[in-house]
Amino acid sequence: MTNDDIVKAIAENEQRSKSNSHRINNLEQNARLLNKMVTALEVLASQQKSVAEQVDKIDGKVTRLEQSPMKKVSTVIGYILAALCSAGVGLLFGGFQP
């Protein structure tokens, strides 16, 4: 190997080294950005879980609130029907006397 070959090989090696350094710097920057994105995603996932839990609690409360008036209406209707039936049976067996 001659001096010219050695100089040429060293020059090529230095060029590759610079290129690799540039590529490594880009990869490091991408890794930092990826790390930030993963951290942000973890925070979002945690917040989503919290929101989902709150929605479930609210859904349960709304369901109970929706059912509560219907129970009251059903109870009142039941009392009215029982009173009407009692009056009808009383008239049937007791006879109507004005």
PDB file of N, CA and C in Angstrom:
ATOM      1  N   MET A   1       0.853  -1.161   0.000  1.00  0.00           N
ATOM      2  CA  MET A   1       0.000   0.000   0.000  1.00  0.00           C
ATOM      3  C   MET A   1       0.909   1.237   0.000  1.00  0.00           C
ATOM      4  N   THR A   2       0.623   2.132  -0.898  1.00  0.00           N
ATOM      5  CA  THR A   2       1.451   3.332  -1.029  1.00  0.00           C
ATOM      6  C   THR A   2       0.929   4.435  -0.132  1.00  0.00           C
ATOM      7  N   ASN A   3       1.728   5.476  -0.015  1.00  0.00           N
ATOM      8  CA  ASN A   3       1.312   6.621   0.799  1.00  0.00           C
ATOM      9  C   ASN A   3       0.028   7.247   0.267  1.00  0.00           C
ATOM     10  N   ASP A   4      -0.105   7.304  -1.041  1.00  0.00           N
ATOM     11  CA  ASP A   4      -1.316   7.876  -1.643  1.00  0.00           C
ATOM     12  C   ASP A   4      -2.543   7.037  -1.290  1.00  0.00           C
ATOM     13  N   ASP A   5      -2.379   5.722  -1.280  1.00  0.00           N
ATOM     14  CA  ASP A   5      -3.493   4.839  -0.918  1.00  0.00           C
ATOM     15  C   ASP A   5      -3.881   5.029   0.550  1.00  0.00           C
ATOM     16  N   ILE A   6      -2.855   5.172   1.377  1.00  0.00           N
ATOM     17  CA  ILE A   6      -3.106   5.372   2.811  1.00  0.00           C
ATOM     18  C   ILE A   6      -3.802   6.709   3.046  1.00  0.00           C
ATOM     19  N   VAL A   7      -3.338   7.761   2.383  1.00  0.00           N
ATOM     20  CA  VAL A   7      -3.960   9.080   2.517  1.00  0.00           C
ATOM     21  C   VAL A   7      -5.397   9.031   2.019  1.00  0.00           C
ATOM     22  N   LYS A   8      -5.613   8.349   0.918  1.00  0.00           N
ATOM     23  CA  LYS A   8      -6.958   8.228   0.369  1.00  0.00           C
ATOM     24  C   LYS A   8      -7.869   7.458   1.340  1.00  0.00           C
ATOM     25  N   ALA A   9      -7.373   6.367   1.924  1.00  0.00           N
ATOM     26  CA  ALA A   9      -8.155   5.568   2.868  1.00  0.00           C
ATOM     27  C   ALA A   9      -8.480   6.380   4.115  1.00  0.00           C
ATOM     28  N   ILE A  10      -7.507   7.165   4.596  1.00  0.00           N
ATOM     29  CA  ILE A  10      -7.742   8.001   5.778  1.00  0.00           C
ATOM     30  C   ILE A  10      -8.794   9.061   5.460  1.00  0.00           C
ATOM     31  N   ALA A  11      -8.713   9.666   4.296  1.00  0.00           N
ATOM     32  CA  ALA A  11      -9.685  10.688   3.888  1.00  0.00           C
ATOM     33  C   ALA A  11     -11.086  10.087   3.807  1.00  0.00           C
ATOM     34  N   GLU A  12     -11.182   8.905   3.215  1.00  0.00           N
ATOM     35  CA  GLU A  12     -12.484   8.232   3.132  1.00  0.00           C
ATOM     36  C   GLU A  12     -13.007   7.892   4.523  1.00  0.00           C
ATOM     37  N   ASN A  13     -12.109   7.449   5.392  1.00  0.00           N
ATOM     38  CA  ASN A  13     -12.484   7.100   6.758  1.00  0.00           C
ATOM     39  C   ASN A  13     -12.991   8.337   7.512  1.00  0.00           C
ATOM     40  N   GLU A  14     -12.311   9.472   7.338  1.00  0.00           N
ATOM     41  CA  GLU A  14     -12.733  10.710   7.984  1.00  0.00           C
ATOM     42  C   GLU A  14     -14.098  11.158   7.450  1.00  0.00           C
ATOM     43  N   GLN A  15     -14.292  10.994   6.149  1.00  0.00           N
ATOM     44  CA  GLN A  15     -15.580  11.381   5.541  1.00  0.00           C
ATOM     45  C   GLN A  15     -16.706  10.528   6.108  1.00  0.00           C
ATOM     46  N   ARG A  16     -16.465   9.225   6.193  1.00  0.00           N
ATOM     47  CA  ARG A  16     -17.471   8.329   6.779  1.00  0.00           C
ATOM     48  C   ARG A  16     -17.719   8.669   8.237  1.00  0.00           C
ATOM     49  N   SER A  17     -16.659   9.007   8.949  1.00  0.00           N
ATOM     50  CA  SER A  17     -16.779   9.363  10.361  1.00  0.00           C
ATOM     51  C   SER A  17     -17.660  10.602  10.533  1.00  0.00           C
ATOM     52  N   LYS A  18     -17.447  11.614   9.678  1.00  0.00           N
ATOM     53  CA  LYS A  18     -18.272  12.825   9.738  1.00  0.00           C
ATOM     54  C   LYS A  18     -19.725  12.499   9.402  1.00  0.00           C
ATOM     55  N   SER A  19     -19.909  11.683   8.385  1.00  0.00           N
ATOM     56  CA  SER A  19     -21.266  11.293   7.994  1.00  0.00           C
ATOM     57  C   SER A  19     -21.951  10.527   9.117  1.00  0.00           C
ATOM     58  N   ASN A  20     -21.213   9.591   9.727  1.00  0.00           N
ATOM     59  CA  ASN A  20     -21.774   8.811  10.832  1.00  0.00           C
ATOM     60  C   ASN A  20     -22.080   9.702  12.037  1.00  0.00           C
ATOM     61  N   SER A  21     -21.200  10.666  12.316  1.00  0.00           N
ATOM     62  CA  SER A  21     -21.450  11.591  13.430  1.00  0.00           C
ATOM     63  C   SER A  21     -22.730  12.375  13.183  1.00  0.00           C
ATOM     64  N   HIS A  22     -22.924  12.823  11.952  1.00  0.00           N
ATOM     65  CA  HIS A  22     -24.140  13.554  11.600  1.00  0.00           C
ATOM     66  C   HIS A  22     -25.375  12.666  11.775  1.00  0.00           C
ATOM     67  N   ARG A  23     -25.277  11.434  11.316  1.00  0.00           N
ATOM     68  CA  ARG A  23     -26.397  10.502  11.452  1.00  0.00           C
ATOM     69  C   ARG A  23     -26.686  10.192  12.915  1.00  0.00           C
ATOM     70  N   ILE A  24     -25.623  10.041  13.723  1.00  0.00           N
ATOM     71  CA  ILE A  24     -25.806   9.775  15.157  1.00  0.00           C
ATOM     72  C   ILE A  24     -26.487  10.961  15.825  1.00  0.00           C
ATOM     73  N   ASN A  25     -26.087  12.176  15.463  1.00  0.00           N
ATOM     74  CA  ASN A  25     -26.727  13.365  16.033  1.00  0.00           C
ATOM     75  C   ASN A  25     -28.217  13.404  15.688  1.00  0.00           C
ATOM     76  N   ASN A  26     -28.544  13.067  14.441  1.00  0.00           N
ATOM     77  CA  ASN A  26     -29.955  13.018  14.043  1.00  0.00           C
ATOM     78  C   ASN A  26     -30.716  11.959  14.840  1.00  0.00           C
ATOM     79  N   LEU A  27     -30.108  10.801  15.016  1.00  0.00           N
ATOM     80  CA  LEU A  27     -30.751   9.731  15.781  1.00  0.00           C
ATOM     81  C   LEU A  27     -30.961  10.148  17.240  1.00  0.00           C
ATOM     82  N   GLU A  28     -29.975  10.833  17.830  1.00  0.00           N
ATOM     83  CA  GLU A  28     -30.121  11.297  19.208  1.00  0.00           C
ATOM     84  C   GLU A  28     -31.270  12.294  19.324  1.00  0.00           C
ATOM     85  N   GLN A  29     -31.366  13.196  18.354  1.00  0.00           N
ATOM     86  CA  GLN A  29     -32.454  14.172  18.366  1.00  0.00           C
ATOM     87  C   GLN A  29     -33.803  13.457  18.223  1.00  0.00           C
ATOM     88  N   ASN A  30     -33.859  12.494  17.316  1.00  0.00           N
ATOM     89  CA  ASN A  30     -35.098  11.727  17.147  1.00  0.00           C
ATOM     90  C   ASN A  30     -35.448  10.951  18.408  1.00  0.00           C
ATOM     91  N   ALA A  31     -34.455  10.397  19.084  1.00  0.00           N
ATOM     92  CA  ALA A  31     -34.695   9.655  20.322  1.00  0.00           C
ATOM     93  C   ALA A  31     -35.254  10.580  21.401  1.00  0.00           C
ATOM     94  N   ARG A  32     -34.719  11.811  21.491  1.00  0.00           N
ATOM     95  CA  ARG A  32     -35.241  12.769  22.470  1.00  0.00           C
ATOM     96  C   ARG A  32     -36.696  13.118  22.163  1.00  0.00           C
ATOM     97  N   LEU A  33     -36.994  13.354  20.881  1.00  0.00           N
ATOM     98  CA  LEU A  33     -38.368  13.669  20.495  1.00  0.00           C
ATOM     99  C   LEU A  33     -39.306  12.494  20.766  1.00  0.00           C
ATOM    100  N   LEU A  34     -38.827  11.302  20.476  1.00  0.00           N
ATOM    101  CA  LEU A  34     -39.629  10.112  20.731  1.00  0.00           C
ATOM    102  C   LEU A  34     -39.894   9.947  22.225  1.00  0.00           C
ATOM    103  N   ASN A  35     -38.893  10.212  23.037  1.00  0.00           N
ATOM    104  CA  ASN A  35     -39.056  10.132  24.483  1.00  0.00           C
ATOM    105  C   ASN A  35     -40.102  11.133  24.969  1.00  0.00           C
ATOM    106  N   LYS A  36     -40.067  12.358  24.418  1.00  0.00           N
ATOM    107  CA  LYS A  36     -41.066  13.366  24.789  1.00  0.00           C
ATOM    108  C   LYS A  36     -42.469  12.902  24.393  1.00  0.00           C
ATOM    109  N   MET A  37     -42.571  12.318  23.194  1.00  0.00           N
ATOM    110  CA  MET A  37     -43.874  11.849  22.734  1.00  0.00           C
ATOM    111  C   MET A  37     -44.401  10.719  23.612  1.00  0.00           C
ATOM    112  N   VAL A  38     -43.533   9.803  24.004  1.00  0.00           N
ATOM    113  CA  VAL A  38     -43.950   8.692  24.853  1.00  0.00           C
ATOM    114  C   VAL A  38     -44.405   9.221  26.215  1.00  0.00           C
ATOM    115  N   THR A  39     -43.676  10.185  26.748  1.00  0.00           N
ATOM    116  CA  THR A  39     -44.061  10.769  28.031  1.00  0.00           C
ATOM    117  C   THR A  39     -45.419  11.457  27.915  1.00  0.00           C
ATOM    118  N   ALA A  40     -45.619  12.214  26.846  1.00  0.00           N
ATOM    119  CA  ALA A  40     -46.897  12.889  26.636  1.00  0.00           C
ATOM    120  C   ALA A  40     -48.023  11.871  26.475  1.00  0.00           C
ATOM    121  N   LEU A  41     -47.751  10.779  25.782  1.00  0.00           N
ATOM    122  CA  LEU A  41     -48.753   9.735  25.591  1.00  0.00           C
ATOM    123  C   LEU A  41     -49.116   9.073  26.915  1.00  0.00           C
ATOM    124  N   GLU A  42     -48.134   8.853  27.773  1.00  0.00           N
ATOM    125  CA  GLU A  42     -48.405   8.280  29.090  1.00  0.00           C
ATOM    126  C   GLU A  42     -49.297   9.205  29.908  1.00  0.00           C
ATOM    127  N   VAL A  43     -49.027  10.496  29.849  1.00  0.00           N
ATOM    128  CA  VAL A  43     -49.846  11.471  30.579  1.00  0.00           C
ATOM    129  C   VAL A  43     -51.274  11.458  30.037  1.00  0.00           C
ATOM    130  N   LEU A  44     -51.409  11.443  28.705  1.00  0.00           N
ATOM    131  CA  LEU A  44     -52.740  11.409  28.099  1.00  0.00           C
ATOM    132  C   LEU A  44     -53.500  10.137  28.482  1.00  0.00           C
ATOM    133  N   ALA A  45     -52.820   9.020  28.494  1.00  0.00           N
ATOM    134  CA  ALA A  45     -53.463   7.760  28.859  1.00  0.00           C
ATOM    135  C   ALA A  45     -53.941   7.808  30.304  1.00  0.00           C
ATOM    136  N   SER A  46     -53.128   8.370  31.172  1.00  0.00           N
ATOM    137  CA  SER A  46     -53.506   8.501  32.579  1.00  0.00           C
ATOM    138  C   SER A  46     -54.721   9.410  32.725  1.00  0.00           C
ATOM    139  N   GLN A  47     -54.719  10.518  32.003  1.00  0.00           N
ATOM    140  CA  GLN A  47     -55.856  11.438  32.060  1.00  0.00           C
ATOM    141  C   GLN A  47     -57.102  10.798  31.473  1.00  0.00           C
ATOM    142  N   GLN A  48     -56.950  10.040  30.414  1.00  0.00           N
ATOM    143  CA  GLN A  48     -58.099   9.372  29.807  1.00  0.00           C
ATOM    144  C   GLN A  48     -58.704   8.367  30.782  1.00  0.00           C
ATOM    145  N   LYS A  49     -57.862   7.649  31.490  1.00  0.00           N
ATOM    146  CA  LYS A  49     -58.353   6.677  32.466  1.00  0.00           C
ATOM    147  C   LYS A  49     -59.139   7.394  33.556  1.00  0.00           C
ATOM    148  N   SER A  50     -58.626   8.517  34.010  1.00  0.00           N
ATOM    149  CA  SER A  50     -59.315   9.290  35.035  1.00  0.00           C
ATOM    150  C   SER A  50     -60.661   9.801  34.530  1.00  0.00           C
ATOM    151  N   VAL A  51     -60.678  10.291  33.303  1.00  0.00           N
ATOM    152  CA  VAL A  51     -61.924  10.790  32.717  1.00  0.00           C
ATOM    153  C   VAL A  51     -62.931   9.647  32.567  1.00  0.00           C
ATOM    154  N   ALA A  52     -62.471   8.489  32.137  1.00  0.00           N
ATOM    155  CA  ALA A  52     -63.357   7.334  31.966  1.00  0.00           C
ATOM    156  C   ALA A  52     -63.967   6.931  33.307  1.00  0.00           C
ATOM    157  N   GLU A  53     -63.179   6.956  34.363  1.00  0.00           N
ATOM    158  CA  GLU A  53     -63.699   6.617  35.691  1.00  0.00           C
ATOM    159  C   GLU A  53     -64.758   7.628  36.127  1.00  0.00           C
ATOM    160  N   GLN A  54     -64.505   8.906  35.882  1.00  0.00           N
ATOM    161  CA  GLN A  54     -65.477   9.937  36.244  1.00  0.00           C
ATOM    162  C   GLN A  54     -66.762   9.783  35.425  1.00  0.00           C
ATOM    163  N   VAL A  55     -66.627   9.460  34.146  1.00  0.00           N
ATOM    164  CA  VAL A  55     -67.807   9.263  33.296  1.00  0.00           C
ATOM    165  C   VAL A  55     -68.633   8.089  33.809  1.00  0.00           C
ATOM    166  N   ASP A  56     -67.975   7.020  34.218  1.00  0.00           N
ATOM    167  CA  ASP A  56     -68.692   5.868  34.761  1.00  0.00           C
ATOM    168  C   ASP A  56     -69.467   6.250  36.021  1.00  0.00           C
ATOM    169  N   LYS A  57     -68.837   7.032  36.896  1.00  0.00           N
ATOM    170  CA  LYS A  57     -69.521   7.475  38.118  1.00  0.00           C
ATOM    171  C   LYS A  57     -70.729   8.333  37.778  1.00  0.00           C
ATOM    172  N   ILE A  58     -70.539   9.268  36.861  1.00  0.00           N
ATOM    173  CA  ILE A  58     -71.628  10.157  36.468  1.00  0.00           C
ATOM    174  C   ILE A  58     -72.747   9.360  35.805  1.00  0.00           C
ATOM    175  N   ASP A  59     -72.397   8.385  34.978  1.00  0.00           N
ATOM    176  CA  ASP A  59     -73.399   7.556  34.311  1.00  0.00           C
ATOM    177  C   ASP A  59     -74.262   6.818  35.337  1.00  0.00           C
ATOM    178  N   GLY A  60     -73.610   6.283  36.361  1.00  0.00           N
ATOM    179  CA  GLY A  60     -74.359   5.587  37.413  1.00  0.00           C
ATOM    180  C   GLY A  60     -75.309   6.521  38.144  1.00  0.00           C
ATOM    181  N   LYS A  61     -74.840   7.731  38.425  1.00  0.00           N
ATOM    182  CA  LYS A  61     -75.687   8.701  39.119  1.00  0.00           C
ATOM    183  C   LYS A  61     -76.868   9.123  38.248  1.00  0.00           C
ATOM    184  N   VAL A  62     -76.614   9.366  36.970  1.00  0.00           N
ATOM    185  CA  VAL A  62     -77.686   9.770  36.050  1.00  0.00           C
ATOM    186  C   VAL A  62     -78.711   8.652  35.919  1.00  0.00           C
ATOM    187  N   THR A  63     -78.250   7.428  35.831  1.00  0.00           N
ATOM    188  CA  THR A  63     -79.169   6.288  35.725  1.00  0.00           C
ATOM    189  C   THR A  63     -80.070   6.210  36.952  1.00  0.00           C
ATOM    190  N   ARG A  64     -79.478   6.380  38.125  1.00  0.00           N
ATOM    191  CA  ARG A  64     -80.291   6.354  39.356  1.00  0.00           C
ATOM    192  C   ARG A  64     -81.285   7.507  39.380  1.00  0.00           C
ATOM    193  N   LEU A  65     -80.857   8.685  38.930  1.00  0.00           N
ATOM    194  CA  LEU A  65     -81.755   9.833  38.894  1.00  0.00           C
ATOM    195  C   LEU A  65     -82.907   9.616  37.913  1.00  0.00           C
ATOM    196  N   GLU A  66     -82.605   8.997  36.782  1.00  0.00           N
ATOM    197  CA  GLU A  66     -83.652   8.726  35.799  1.00  0.00           C
ATOM    198  C   GLU A  66     -84.653   7.705  36.317  1.00  0.00           C
ATOM    199  N   GLN A  67     -84.189   6.731  37.067  1.00  0.00           N
ATOM    200  CA  GLN A  67     -85.065   5.676  37.562  1.00  0.00           C
ATOM    201  C   GLN A  67     -85.889   6.133  38.757  1.00  0.00           C
ATOM    202  N   SER A  68     -85.397   7.050  39.544  1.00  0.00           N
ATOM    203  CA  SER A  68     -86.073   7.479  40.760  1.00  0.00           C
ATOM    204  C   SER A  68     -87.467   8.039  40.496  1.00  0.00           C
ATOM    205  N   PRO A  69     -87.654   8.995  39.582  1.00  0.00           N
ATOM    206  CA  PRO A  69     -89.010   9.495  39.334  1.00  0.00           C
ATOM    207  C   PRO A  69     -89.952   8.413  38.812  1.00  0.00           C
ATOM    208  N   MET A  70     -89.443   7.497  38.007  1.00  0.00           N
ATOM    209  CA  MET A  70     -90.289   6.428  37.483  1.00  0.00           C
ATOM    210  C   MET A  70     -90.782   5.520  38.603  1.00  0.00           C
ATOM    211  N   LYS A  71     -89.954   5.283  39.601  1.00  0.00           N
ATOM    212  CA  LYS A  71     -90.381   4.470  40.734  1.00  0.00           C
ATOM    213  C   LYS A  71     -91.500   5.171  41.491  1.00  0.00           C
ATOM    214  N   LYS A  72     -91.353   6.486  41.660  1.00  0.00           N
ATOM    215  CA  LYS A  72     -92.383   7.248  42.370  1.00  0.00           C
ATOM    216  C   LYS A  72     -93.683   7.250  41.592  1.00  0.00           C
ATOM    217  N   VAL A  73     -93.608   7.452  40.284  1.00  0.00           N
ATOM    218  CA  VAL A  73     -94.807   7.459  39.443  1.00  0.00           C
ATOM    219  C   VAL A  73     -95.469   6.089  39.477  1.00  0.00           C
ATOM    220  N   SER A  74     -94.674   5.042  39.395  1.00  0.00           N
ATOM    221  CA  SER A  74     -95.224   3.686  39.437  1.00  0.00           C
ATOM    222  C   SER A  74     -95.922   3.425  40.775  1.00  0.00           C
ATOM    223  N   THR A  75     -95.341   3.896  41.861  1.00  0.00           N
ATOM    224  CA  THR A  75     -95.934   3.711  43.186  1.00  0.00           C
ATOM    225  C   THR A  75     -97.255   4.460  43.279  1.00  0.00           C
ATOM    226  N   VAL A  76     -97.296   5.696  42.812  1.00  0.00           N
ATOM    227  CA  VAL A  76     -98.527   6.493  42.854  1.00  0.00           C
ATOM    228  C   VAL A  76     -99.604   5.845  41.993  1.00  0.00           C
ATOM    229  N   ILE A  77     -99.239   5.408  40.803  1.00  0.00           N
ATOM    230  CA  ILE A  77    -100.213   4.743  39.922  1.00  0.00           C
ATOM    231  C   ILE A  77    -100.738   3.472  40.592  1.00  0.00           C
ATOM    232  N   GLY A  78     -99.862   2.745  41.243  1.00  0.00           N
ATOM    233  CA  GLY A  78    -100.283   1.533  41.960  1.00  0.00           C
ATOM    234  C   GLY A  78    -101.276   1.852  43.056  1.00  0.00           C
ATOM    235  N   TYR A  79    -101.038   2.919  43.815  1.00  0.00           N
ATOM    236  CA  TYR A  79    -101.974   3.318  44.873  1.00  0.00           C
ATOM    237  C   TYR A  79    -103.323   3.736  44.289  1.00  0.00           C
ATOM    238  N   ILE A  80    -103.305   4.476  43.199  1.00  0.00           N
ATOM    239  CA  ILE A  80    -104.553   4.925  42.565  1.00  0.00           C
ATOM    240  C   ILE A  80    -105.342   3.724  42.057  1.00  0.00           C
ATOM    241  N   LEU A  81    -104.653   2.789  41.385  1.00  0.00           N
ATOM    242  CA  LEU A  81    -105.340   1.596  40.891  1.00  0.00           C
ATOM    243  C   LEU A  81    -105.907   0.759  42.036  1.00  0.00           C
ATOM    244  N   ALA A  82    -105.161   0.645  43.116  1.00  0.00           N
ATOM    245  CA  ALA A  82    -105.650  -0.113  44.275  1.00  0.00           C
ATOM    246  C   ALA A  82    -106.893   0.556  44.865  1.00  0.00           C
ATOM    247  N   ALA A  83    -106.868   1.890  44.938  1.00  0.00           N
ATOM    248  CA  ALA A  83    -108.032   2.606  45.482  1.00  0.00           C
ATOM    249  C   ALA A  83    -109.245   2.431  44.569  1.00  0.00           C
ATOM    250  N   LEU A  84    -109.038   2.525  43.250  1.00  0.00           N
ATOM    251  CA  LEU A  84    -110.145   2.361  42.321  1.00  0.00           C
ATOM    252  C   LEU A  84    -110.709   0.946  42.368  1.00  0.00           C
ATOM    253  N   CYS A  85    -109.824  -0.030  42.450  1.00  0.00           N
ATOM    254  CA  CYS A  85    -110.278  -1.421  42.549  1.00  0.00           C
ATOM    255  C   CYS A  85    -111.046  -1.649  43.848  1.00  0.00           C
ATOM    256  N   SER A  86    -110.555  -1.084  44.935  1.00  0.00           N
ATOM    257  CA  SER A  86    -111.249  -1.224  46.231  1.00  0.00           C
ATOM    258  C   SER A  86    -112.626  -0.585  46.165  1.00  0.00           C
ATOM    259  N   ALA A  87    -112.702   0.578  45.551  1.00  0.00           N
ATOM    260  CA  ALA A  87    -114.001   1.247  45.427  1.00  0.00           C
ATOM    261  C   ALA A  87    -114.933   0.420  44.545  1.00  0.00           C
ATOM    262  N   GLY A  88    -114.419  -0.138  43.461  1.00  0.00           N
ATOM    263  CA  GLY A  88    -115.240  -0.963  42.573  1.00  0.00           C
ATOM    264  C   GLY A  88    -115.731  -2.215  43.267  1.00  0.00           C
ATOM    265  N   VAL A  89    -114.883  -2.871  44.016  1.00  0.00           N
ATOM    266  CA  VAL A  89    -115.274  -4.088  44.735  1.00  0.00           C
ATOM    267  C   VAL A  89    -116.287  -3.716  45.812  1.00  0.00           C
ATOM    268  N   GLY A  90    -116.049  -2.605  46.481  1.00  0.00           N
ATOM    269  CA  GLY A  90    -117.004  -2.172  47.526  1.00  0.00           C
ATOM    270  C   GLY A  90    -118.372  -1.882  46.935  1.00  0.00           C
ATOM    271  N   LEU A  91    -118.415  -1.249  45.788  1.00  0.00           N
ATOM    272  CA  LEU A  91    -119.689  -0.975  45.135  1.00  0.00           C
ATOM    273  C   LEU A  91    -120.345  -2.266  44.670  1.00  0.00           C
ATOM    274  N   LEU A  92    -119.552  -3.194  44.174  1.00  0.00           N
ATOM    275  CA  LEU A  92    -120.081  -4.455  43.678  1.00  0.00           C
ATOM    276  C   LEU A  92    -120.707  -5.274  44.797  1.00  0.00           C
ATOM    277  N   PHE A  93    -120.015  -5.388  45.904  1.00  0.00           N
ATOM    278  CA  PHE A  93    -120.522  -6.205  46.998  1.00  0.00           C
ATOM    279  C   PHE A  93    -121.457  -5.427  47.930  1.00  0.00           C
ATOM    280  N   GLY A  94    -121.248  -4.156  48.043  1.00  0.00           N
ATOM    281  CA  GLY A  94    -122.069  -3.373  48.959  1.00  0.00           C
ATOM    282  C   GLY A  94    -123.298  -2.795  48.299  1.00  0.00           C
ATOM    283  N   GLY A  95    -123.256  -2.754  47.033  1.00  0.00           N
ATOM    284  CA  GLY A  95    -124.368  -2.161  46.307  1.00  0.00           C
ATOM    285  C   GLY A  95    -124.224  -0.658  46.312  1.00  0.00           C
ATOM    286  N   PHE A  96    -124.747  -0.039  45.296  1.00  0.00           N
ATOM    287  CA  PHE A  96    -124.663   1.410  45.200  1.00  0.00           C
ATOM    288  C   PHE A  96    -125.913   1.996  45.811  1.00  0.00           C
ATOM    289  N   GLN A  97    -125.760   2.821  46.831  1.00  0.00           N
ATOM    290  CA  GLN A  97    -126.893   3.453  47.488  1.00  0.00           C
ATOM    291  C   GLN A  97    -126.632   4.960  47.552  1.00  0.00           C
ATOM    292  N   PRO A  98    -127.308   5.679  46.764  1.00  0.00           N
ATOM    293  CA  PRO A  98    -127.098   7.139  46.769  1.00  0.00           C
ATOM    294  C   PRO A  98    -127.758   7.842  47.934  1.00  0.00           C
TER     295      PRO A  98
END
